[in-house]
Amino acid sequence: MYLDGHTGGQDDKIPAALSDGEYVLSADIVSSLGDGNNNAGAKKLDAFMRKVRTHRGKNGTKLPPKSKGIEGYLRGAK
């Protein structure tokens, strides 16, 4: 989930309630994924999450298929 606020990238003014196992990326990483643009980086991460969830949900067996490496999901993310 991308949080778009009116704070600086390193202000740490938005409180977050996270569940065990969740992961947070810093604004500089999101920006780097978007070639310097946070919104573009967030779109790539959203596409990444959709691809992982789609891949993991298409198997009818009890155990989901093994995930691809992160690079495989990020390739071509728009």
Protein backbone atom coordinates (compact mmCIF):
# COMPACT_ATOMS: atom_id res chain seq x y z
CA MET A 1 0.00 0.00 0.00
CA TYR A 2 1.43 3.36 -1.04
CA LEU A 3 1.01 6.24 1.41
CA ASP A 4 0.94 9.59 -0.34
CA GLY A 5 1.16 12.41 2.17
CA HIS A 6 2.51 15.91 2.56
CA THR A 7 5.64 15.06 4.50
CA GLY A 8 9.25 14.73 3.49
CA GLY A 9 10.61 11.35 2.47
CA GLN A 10 12.48 10.93 5.75
CA ASP A 11 10.20 12.76 8.18
CA ASP A 12 8.77 9.57 9.75
CA LYS A 13 5.56 11.37 10.73
CA ILE A 14 3.04 8.76 9.55
CA PRO A 15 2.32 6.15 12.23
CA ALA A 16 2.01 2.59 10.94
CA ALA A 17 0.30 -0.43 12.47
CA LEU A 18 1.84 -3.54 10.95
CA SER A 19 1.13 -7.23 11.25
CA ASP A 20 3.77 -9.86 11.87
CA GLY A 21 5.56 -10.71 8.64
CA GLU A 22 4.82 -7.46 6.82
CA TYR A 23 7.61 -5.49 5.20
CA VAL A 24 8.05 -1.72 4.78
CA LEU A 25 10.20 -0.10 2.09
CA SER A 26 11.71 3.34 2.56
CA ALA A 27 10.77 6.19 0.23
CA ASP A 28 14.22 6.26 -1.37
CA ILE A 29 13.83 2.62 -2.45
CA VAL A 30 10.35 3.25 -3.90
CA SER A 31 11.68 6.31 -5.70
CA SER A 32 14.63 4.34 -7.07
CA LEU A 33 12.28 1.72 -8.51
CA GLY A 34 10.47 4.54 -10.32
CA ASP A 35 13.62 6.16 -11.72
CA GLY A 36 13.40 8.95 -9.15
CA ASN A 37 9.58 9.11 -9.05
CA ASN A 38 7.77 7.72 -5.99
CA ASN A 39 4.44 7.30 -7.78
CA ALA A 40 6.08 5.36 -10.63
CA GLY A 41 7.93 3.18 -8.12
CA ALA A 42 4.69 2.51 -6.24
CA LYS A 43 3.00 1.42 -9.47
CA LYS A 44 5.82 -1.07 -10.07
CA LEU A 45 5.47 -2.44 -6.53
CA ASP A 46 1.68 -2.72 -6.96
CA ALA A 47 2.22 -4.66 -10.19
CA PHE A 48 4.76 -6.85 -8.41
CA MET A 49 2.26 -7.70 -5.65
CA ARG A 50 -0.49 -8.47 -8.18
CA LYS A 51 1.84 -10.80 -10.11
CA VAL A 52 2.94 -12.66 -6.97
CA ARG A 53 -0.65 -13.08 -5.75
CA THR A 54 -1.83 -14.21 -9.18
CA HIS A 55 1.02 -16.69 -9.51
CA ARG A 56 0.47 -18.11 -6.04
CA GLY A 57 -3.32 -18.37 -6.41
CA LYS A 58 -3.62 -20.20 -9.73
CA ASN A 59 -2.62 -23.63 -8.45
CA GLY A 60 -5.43 -25.93 -7.30
CA THR A 61 -3.22 -28.06 -5.05
CA LYS A 62 -2.98 -27.64 -1.32
CA LEU A 63 0.50 -26.14 -1.48
CA PRO A 64 1.01 -23.08 -3.68
CA PRO A 65 3.80 -23.15 -6.26
CA LYS A 66 7.22 -21.88 -5.26
CA SER A 67 7.60 -18.18 -5.86
CA LYS A 68 9.88 -16.91 -8.58
CA GLY A 69 12.79 -14.70 -7.58
CA ILE A 70 11.83 -11.06 -7.08
CA GLU A 71 13.52 -10.10 -10.35
CA GLY A 72 11.13 -12.35 -12.26
CA TYR A 73 8.14 -10.47 -10.90
CA LEU A 74 9.64 -6.99 -11.32
CA ARG A 75 10.62 -7.57 -14.97
CA GLY A 76 8.14 -5.69 -17.13
CA ALA A 77 6.16 -4.32 -14.15
CA LYS A 78 4.13 -1.31 -15.20
